[in-house]
Structure formats: structure tokens, C-alpha cells
Protein backbone atom coordinates (compact mmCIF):
# COMPACT_ATOMS: atom_id res chain seq x y z
CA MET A 1 196.13 119.01 -65.14
CA TYR A 2 196.38 116.31 -62.63
CA ILE A 3 196.78 112.73 -63.50
CA MET A 4 196.56 109.88 -60.89
CA LYS A 5 196.98 106.36 -62.13
CA ASN A 6 195.92 103.36 -60.08
CA ASP A 7 197.39 100.03 -61.35
CA SER A 8 195.53 97.74 -59.27
CA LYS A 9 192.44 99.10 -60.16
CA ARG A 10 193.30 99.90 -63.85
CA THR A 11 191.88 103.31 -63.87
CA VAL A 12 193.78 106.89 -64.62
CA SER A 13 191.97 109.69 -62.94
CA ILE A 14 192.36 112.95 -64.90
CA TRP A 15 191.56 116.19 -62.90
CA LEU A 16 191.00 119.76 -65.25
CA THR A 17 190.69 123.04 -63.62
CA LEU A 18 187.82 125.36 -65.42
CA ASP A 19 190.73 127.37 -67.10
CA GLU A 20 192.10 124.02 -68.95
CA GLN A 21 188.26 122.96 -69.77
CA ASP A 22 188.36 126.35 -71.62
CA ASN A 23 191.72 125.55 -73.44
CA PRO A 24 191.32 123.82 -76.53
CA LEU A 25 194.61 122.72 -77.34
CA LEU A 26 194.46 121.52 -73.88
CA MET A 27 191.49 119.43 -74.77
CA HIS A 28 192.96 118.24 -77.65
CA GLU A 29 196.08 116.59 -76.11
CA LEU A 30 193.36 115.50 -73.58
CA SER A 31 191.64 113.20 -76.16
CA ALA A 32 194.69 111.73 -77.08
CA LEU A 33 195.81 110.91 -73.57
CA VAL A 34 192.52 109.21 -73.29
CA ASP A 35 192.64 107.15 -76.15
CA ARG A 36 196.46 105.88 -75.11
CA TYR A 37 195.37 104.99 -71.92
CA ARG A 38 192.34 102.80 -73.37
CA GLN A 39 195.18 101.33 -75.35
CA GLU A 40 196.97 100.09 -72.14
CA ASN A 41 193.52 98.55 -71.05
CA LEU A 42 193.39 101.44 -68.49
CA SER A 43 189.68 103.00 -67.75
CA PRO A 44 190.56 106.83 -67.95
CA VAL A 45 187.76 109.26 -65.56
CA ILE A 46 187.73 112.46 -65.94
CA PHE A 47 186.90 114.99 -63.35
CA ARG A 48 186.13 118.73 -64.16
CA SER A 49 185.94 121.24 -61.87
CA GLY A 50 182.28 122.88 -61.47
CA LYS A 51 181.22 126.42 -61.45
CA GLU A 52 178.92 126.43 -58.60
CA GLU A 53 179.70 126.80 -54.73
CA LEU A 54 180.76 123.55 -53.30
CA TYR A 55 179.47 123.47 -49.90
CA GLU A 56 176.19 124.45 -51.02
CA SER A 57 176.17 121.89 -53.94
CA THR A 58 177.34 119.23 -51.79
CA PHE A 59 174.56 120.04 -49.17
CA MET A 60 171.88 119.95 -51.24
CA LEU A 61 173.10 116.75 -53.24
CA LEU A 62 173.23 115.02 -49.53
CA ARG A 63 169.76 116.42 -48.61
CA HIS A 64 168.21 115.33 -52.29
CA ASN A 65 169.54 111.74 -51.51
CA LYS A 66 168.58 111.52 -47.97
CA ALA A 67 164.91 112.52 -48.76
CA ALA A 68 164.95 109.82 -51.58
CA ALA A 69 166.65 107.08 -49.28
CA ILE A 70 163.33 107.87 -46.86
CA SER A 71 160.79 107.96 -49.71
CA GLN A 72 161.99 104.39 -50.49
CA LYS A 73 161.12 103.08 -47.02
């Protein structure tokens, strides 16, 4: 788990690997951590690693967004 706090934006980014997402103990700790950050008036943002191939998924997302932008003109 990687945690990055941004005081100026009042956010906390929490990055999880696939293995960490499958760990029930760690997920319980994450829940308590999120509650603690919310009590500090910070907005926790959780990023979870995916299972798909990054390049192909990003390419398809950009392609879809471009087609959507063109159809809105």
C-alpha cells in the first residue's frame, strides 16, 4: 500500500496492488484508515490495480473518448 497525502487539496491517495486487494486483514485496516482520514476532513481516494493489460485498456479508452467527442460535434 502506498499512501500520498496532499494537504493543499485535502486529499489522501491510497494505492493498492492486486495482492493487497485480496488480503482481508489489510482491507479491514484500509477501512479504519479511510475513517480516520475522513475525521481529519481529508478526502481519501483509493486506486486499485487492475487485471487487464494497461496499454491495450488505455488505448481503447482514448479511442472511445475520441469517438464520443467527434459524435458530439
